[in-house]
Amino acid sequence: MPLDLKVHRVAQVGFAVCKIFAKNECPDDAALVMRWSGKQSRSDPNKNQPTIRITPGSLWLFEAGREVEVASWHCDLEG
């Protein structure tokens, strides 16, 4: 049975970078744009602008709205 998830916020822990997707199997054209809702970062440029590459942290929100359907995700241990 497929699982449908509506997600409000993403916490990324333990990986160099992750991407979240609106379609199964992580197709590049379905990557969801995220934005960091915390303070500006001097060491992590991904946290200063909307991005599809989320780095470690617990304050990632979806650029498209409060809740977004998520179908798949992919994380890498190295950036």
Foldseek 3Di string as FASTA:
>chain_A
DADKDKDQWDADPQFQWKWWFQDPPDDPVGTFWKEAPDDDDPVDVCNVDIDRIDGGDTRIGTPVDRIGITRDMDTHRHD
